[in-house]
């Protein structure tokens, strides 16, 4: 229960789905968590729930539009002001569009790239100085199996998640002298609100392509994120962890 004791984490897209699962898991392991999201009501509800269960203020909700540097600065400032610093960043926020290259408009392309790619860059850039003050840190970037393989659709999503994969490796090299580790996690099909654009039949058909023949629960990805956030992963940086039920092994 103390794998993250004394650590402070900032989780973008932390109000629901995978981010909410990570928030609960991190708190259960002793961390204090700033929940960053544009879904202010859901972030407050989650924070209230977790704080009540813990019997103290261990989470703080904050408005975070990951495409805005000012929001990132405010979130990092909140970590330092309210909890004393920042040790862990999970770049979890993301959006999905399934259109191919020919069908994607310029506005749709920009929206995906701004959240999924620019948001990760901004978060990493603005969180790193706070981690340098602490003498160490862990940044976990949520990419996707579609940052590793193609599918014939979701062009902007693929492009953004592939960029996250290589930005992660670049950041790992740049920040290694400061003992800041940077790794990426590549989930397959997960049952979160992001995939609500598919009906159950479509989602099941995609999930059945994996050897394990099912979609993942958010917690199954969260356990990998948790490991990378802990000191147990002290010699792990620049790595990519695939959590896909074997989807990319076929």
Protein backbone atom coordinates (compact mmCIF):
# COMPACT_ATOMS: atom_id res chain seq x y z
CA UNK A 1 0.00 0.00 0.00
CA UNK A 2 3.03 2.33 0.12
CA UNK A 3 4.60 1.97 -3.32
CA UNK A 4 4.06 5.69 -3.96
CA UNK A 5 4.28 6.95 -0.38
CA UNK A 6 5.32 10.59 -0.29
CA UNK A 7 4.92 11.04 -4.06
CA UNK A 8 2.83 13.69 -5.79
CA UNK A 9 1.27 12.89 -9.16
CA UNK A 10 -0.44 14.94 -11.86
CA UNK A 11 -2.76 12.95 -14.13
CA UNK A 12 -4.20 14.62 -17.23
CA UNK A 13 -7.56 13.33 -18.37
CA UNK A 14 -7.87 12.08 -14.81
CA UNK A 15 -11.60 12.54 -14.25
CA UNK A 16 -12.90 9.32 -15.79
CA UNK A 17 -11.96 6.07 -17.51
CA UNK A 18 -8.34 5.07 -17.35
CA UNK A 19 -7.30 8.34 -15.67
CA UNK A 20 -9.82 7.83 -12.85
CA UNK A 21 -8.62 4.25 -12.36
CA UNK A 22 -5.03 5.50 -12.12
CA UNK A 23 -6.06 8.19 -9.63
CA UNK A 24 -7.62 5.63 -7.31
CA UNK A 25 -4.70 3.22 -7.66
CA UNK A 26 -2.10 5.92 -7.01
CA UNK A 27 -3.90 7.12 -3.88
CA UNK A 28 -4.22 3.54 -2.63
CA UNK A 29 -0.44 3.30 -2.90
CA UNK A 30 0.16 6.45 -0.85
CA UNK A 31 0.36 9.20 -3.49
CA UNK A 32 -1.40 12.54 -3.54
CA UNK A 33 -2.90 13.29 -6.93
CA UNK A 34 -3.85 16.42 -8.82
CA UNK A 35 -6.64 15.45 -11.21
CA UNK A 36 -6.38 17.53 -14.37
CA UNK A 37 -9.28 17.55 -16.81
CA UNK A 38 -11.62 19.77 -18.81
CA UNK A 39 -14.50 17.82 -17.25
CA UNK A 40 -14.61 19.96 -14.12
CA UNK A 41 -17.72 18.41 -12.58
CA UNK A 42 -16.51 14.85 -13.02
CA UNK A 43 -13.08 15.75 -11.65
CA UNK A 44 -14.66 17.31 -8.54
CA UNK A 45 -16.91 14.30 -8.03
CA UNK A 46 -13.99 11.89 -8.25
CA UNK A 47 -11.84 14.00 -5.92
CA UNK A 48 -14.64 14.19 -3.34
CA UNK A 49 -15.17 10.43 -3.52
CA UNK A 50 -11.47 9.61 -3.12
CA UNK A 51 -10.91 12.16 -0.36
CA UNK A 52 -13.89 10.87 1.62
CA UNK A 53 -12.63 7.31 1.34
CA UNK A 54 -9.14 8.37 2.44
CA UNK A 55 -10.39 10.56 5.27
CA UNK A 56 -8.16 13.44 4.16
CA UNK A 57 -7.46 15.64 1.16
CA UNK A 58 -5.30 13.41 -1.01
CA UNK A 59 -6.62 14.62 -4.37
CA UNK A 60 -7.20 18.02 -5.90
CA UNK A 61 -9.24 18.64 -9.07
CA UNK A 62 -8.03 21.34 -11.44
CA UNK A 63 -9.16 22.53 -14.86
CA UNK A 64 -6.60 21.39 -17.40
CA UNK A 65 -6.92 21.90 -21.13
CA UNK A 66 -3.78 20.10 -22.23
CA UNK A 67 -3.47 22.26 -25.34
CA UNK A 68 -2.90 25.39 -23.20
CA UNK A 69 0.48 26.10 -21.62
CA UNK A 70 -1.16 28.38 -19.03
CA UNK A 71 -3.34 25.51 -17.80
CA UNK A 72 -0.32 23.25 -17.48
CA UNK A 73 1.59 25.88 -15.51
CA UNK A 74 -1.40 26.30 -13.18
CA UNK A 75 -1.62 22.53 -12.66
CA UNK A 76 2.08 22.17 -11.84
CA UNK A 77 1.89 25.21 -9.55
CA UNK A 78 -1.02 23.54 -7.74
CA UNK A 79 1.04 20.39 -7.20
CA UNK A 80 3.82 22.43 -5.62
CA UNK A 81 1.59 24.78 -3.64
CA UNK A 82 -0.88 22.23 -2.30
CA UNK A 83 1.23 19.09 -1.97
CA UNK A 84 4.83 20.32 -1.93
CA UNK A 85 6.14 19.26 -5.35
CA UNK A 86 5.71 17.00 -8.34
CA UNK A 87 7.18 13.51 -8.80
CA UNK A 88 4.95 11.82 -11.37
CA UNK A 89 3.21 12.98 -14.52
CA UNK A 90 0.80 10.75 -16.42
CA UNK A 91 -0.02 12.21 -19.83
CA UNK A 92 -3.30 10.36 -20.10
CA UNK A 93 -5.62 12.85 -21.86
CA UNK A 94 -6.52 11.90 -25.41
CA UNK A 95 -9.25 12.01 -28.04
CA UNK A 96 -10.09 9.68 -30.93
CA UNK A 97 -11.23 10.15 -34.52
CA UNK A 98 -11.60 7.08 -36.75
CA UNK A 99 -11.49 8.83 -40.14
CA UNK A 100 -8.86 8.00 -42.72
CA UNK A 101 -6.49 10.41 -44.43
CA UNK A 102 -8.88 11.38 -47.24
CA UNK A 103 -11.89 11.95 -44.98
CA UNK A 104 -10.18 13.92 -42.20
CA UNK A 105 -10.66 17.67 -42.33
CA UNK A 106 -7.91 20.11 -41.39
CA UNK A 107 -9.86 21.10 -38.28
CA UNK A 108 -10.28 17.46 -37.21
CA UNK A 109 -6.58 16.78 -37.80
CA UNK A 110 -5.55 19.80 -35.74
CA UNK A 111 -7.89 18.86 -32.87
CA UNK A 112 -6.40 15.37 -32.53
CA UNK A 113 -2.79 16.52 -32.87
CA UNK A 114 -3.28 19.38 -30.40
CA UNK A 115 -4.62 17.16 -27.63
CA UNK A 116 -2.76 13.90 -28.20
CA UNK A 117 0.62 15.20 -29.36
CA UNK A 118 1.02 18.85 -28.38
CA UNK A 119 -0.58 18.15 -25.00
CA UNK A 120 2.04 15.53 -24.16
CA UNK A 121 4.86 17.83 -25.23
CA UNK A 122 3.52 20.73 -23.16
CA UNK A 123 2.99 18.55 -20.10
CA UNK A 124 6.47 17.11 -20.30
CA UNK A 125 8.08 20.51 -20.90
CA UNK A 126 6.30 22.24 -18.02
CA UNK A 127 6.48 19.39 -15.49
CA UNK A 128 10.20 18.69 -15.94
CA UNK A 129 11.50 21.76 -14.03
CA UNK A 130 9.38 20.83 -10.98
CA UNK A 131 10.79 17.29 -11.08
CA UNK A 132 14.34 18.63 -11.35
CA UNK A 133 13.75 20.44 -8.06
CA UNK A 134 12.88 17.07 -6.47
CA UNK A 135 15.96 15.38 -7.92
CA UNK A 136 13.99 12.73 -9.78
CA UNK A 137 10.71 12.01 -11.51
CA UNK A 138 8.67 9.67 -13.66
CA UNK A 139 6.70 10.68 -16.74
CA UNK A 140 4.35 8.10 -18.23
CA UNK A 141 2.91 8.89 -21.65
CA UNK A 142 -0.17 7.00 -22.78
CA UNK A 143 0.25 6.15 -26.45
CA UNK A 144 -1.61 3.26 -28.09
CA UNK A 145 -1.07 0.12 -30.13
CA UNK A 146 -1.99 2.50 -32.94
CA UNK A 147 1.24 4.31 -32.26
CA UNK A 148 2.95 1.06 -33.30
CA UNK A 149 0.85 -0.32 -36.15
CA UNK A 150 -1.51 0.95 -38.85
CA UNK A 151 -5.17 0.15 -39.40
CA UNK A 152 -6.30 1.89 -42.60
CA UNK A 153 -8.28 4.47 -40.61
CA UNK A 154 -7.90 6.83 -37.65
CA UNK A 155 -5.14 8.68 -39.50
CA UNK A 156 -4.71 11.60 -37.11
CA UNK A 157 -4.92 9.32 -34.08
CA UNK A 158 -2.19 7.04 -35.48
CA UNK A 159 0.00 10.03 -36.29
CA UNK A 160 -0.41 11.54 -32.84
CA UNK A 161 0.21 8.33 -30.94
CA UNK A 162 3.24 7.45 -33.07
CA UNK A 163 4.63 10.88 -32.26
CA UNK A 164 4.08 10.25 -28.53
CA UNK A 165 6.15 7.06 -28.81
CA UNK A 166 9.21 8.84 -30.21
CA UNK A 167 8.78 12.00 -28.16
CA UNK A 168 8.95 9.70 -25.13
CA UNK A 169 12.30 8.30 -26.20
CA UNK A 170 13.69 11.76 -26.94
CA UNK A 171 12.55 13.04 -23.56
CA UNK A 172 14.05 9.99 -21.84
CA UNK A 173 17.47 10.84 -23.26
CA UNK A 174 17.17 14.57 -22.56
CA UNK A 175 16.09 14.20 -18.95
CA UNK A 176 18.16 11.18 -17.91
CA UNK A 177 20.90 13.42 -16.40
CA UNK A 178 18.25 14.72 -13.99
CA UNK A 179 17.07 11.22 -12.99
CA UNK A 180 13.72 11.81 -14.68
CA UNK A 181 12.47 8.65 -16.36
CA UNK A 182 10.10 8.82 -19.35
CA UNK A 183 8.24 5.80 -20.70
CA UNK A 184 5.23 5.11 -22.92
CA UNK A 185 2.34 2.70 -22.46
CA UNK A 186 0.52 1.32 -25.51
CA UNK A 187 -2.95 -0.01 -24.67
CA UNK A 188 -5.09 -2.04 -26.98
CA UNK A 189 -8.89 -2.03 -26.68
CA UNK A 190 -9.92 -0.75 -23.25
CA UNK A 191 -13.45 -0.29 -21.96
CA UNK A 192 -13.44 3.46 -21.32
CA UNK A 193 -15.63 6.37 -22.49
CA UNK A 194 -13.20 6.97 -25.38
CA UNK A 195 -14.53 3.91 -27.20
CA UNK A 196 -18.18 4.88 -26.77
CA UNK A 197 -18.10 5.90 -30.44
CA UNK A 198 -18.31 2.15 -31.18
CA UNK A 199 -21.38 0.08 -30.41
CA UNK A 200 -20.88 -3.08 -28.34
CA UNK A 201 -20.84 -5.35 -31.39
CA UNK A 202 -18.15 -3.30 -33.14
CA UNK A 203 -16.02 -3.10 -30.00
CA UNK A 204 -16.30 -6.83 -29.35
CA UNK A 205 -15.28 -7.58 -32.93
CA UNK A 206 -12.11 -5.49 -32.55
CA UNK A 207 -11.33 -6.98 -29.12
CA UNK A 208 -11.71 -10.52 -30.47
CA UNK A 209 -8.76 -9.94 -32.82
CA UNK A 210 -6.45 -10.17 -29.80
CA UNK A 211 -5.35 -13.65 -28.66
CA UNK A 212 -6.90 -13.04 -25.22
CA UNK A 213 -10.24 -12.42 -26.99
CA UNK A 214 -11.47 -9.55 -24.86
CA UNK A 215 -11.10 -5.85 -24.09
CA UNK A 216 -9.08 -4.70 -21.10
CA UNK A 217 -10.36 -3.13 -17.92
CA UNK A 218 -8.84 0.30 -17.19
CA UNK A 219 -7.12 -1.13 -14.11
CA UNK A 220 -5.22 -3.64 -16.24
CA UNK A 221 -3.49 -0.76 -17.99
CA UNK A 222 -3.28 1.16 -14.72
CA UNK A 223 -1.13 -1.50 -13.09
CA UNK A 224 1.54 -0.99 -15.76
CA UNK A 225 1.35 2.80 -15.35
CA UNK A 226 1.63 2.33 -11.58
CA UNK A 227 4.76 0.20 -11.94
CA UNK A 228 6.43 2.79 -14.15
CA UNK A 229 5.58 5.51 -11.62
CA UNK A 230 7.20 3.65 -8.72
CA UNK A 231 10.85 3.37 -7.77
CA UNK A 232 10.59 -0.30 -8.75
CA UNK A 233 11.10 0.94 -12.32
CA UNK A 234 14.20 2.93 -11.40
CA UNK A 235 16.23 1.55 -14.34
CA UNK A 236 13.41 1.74 -16.89
CA UNK A 237 13.39 4.72 -19.24
CA UNK A 238 12.75 5.26 -22.93
CA UNK A 239 10.78 2.01 -22.99
CA UNK A 240 7.41 1.15 -24.50
CA UNK A 241 5.03 -1.17 -22.69
CA UNK A 242 2.34 -2.84 -24.79
CA UNK A 243 -0.84 -3.79 -22.93
CA UNK A 244 -3.03 -5.24 -25.65
CA UNK A 245 -3.95 -8.86 -24.92
CA UNK A 246 -1.53 -9.93 -27.64
CA UNK A 247 -3.15 -7.84 -30.39
CA UNK A 248 0.16 -6.71 -31.90
CA UNK A 249 1.73 -10.16 -31.55
CA UNK A 250 -0.46 -11.69 -34.26
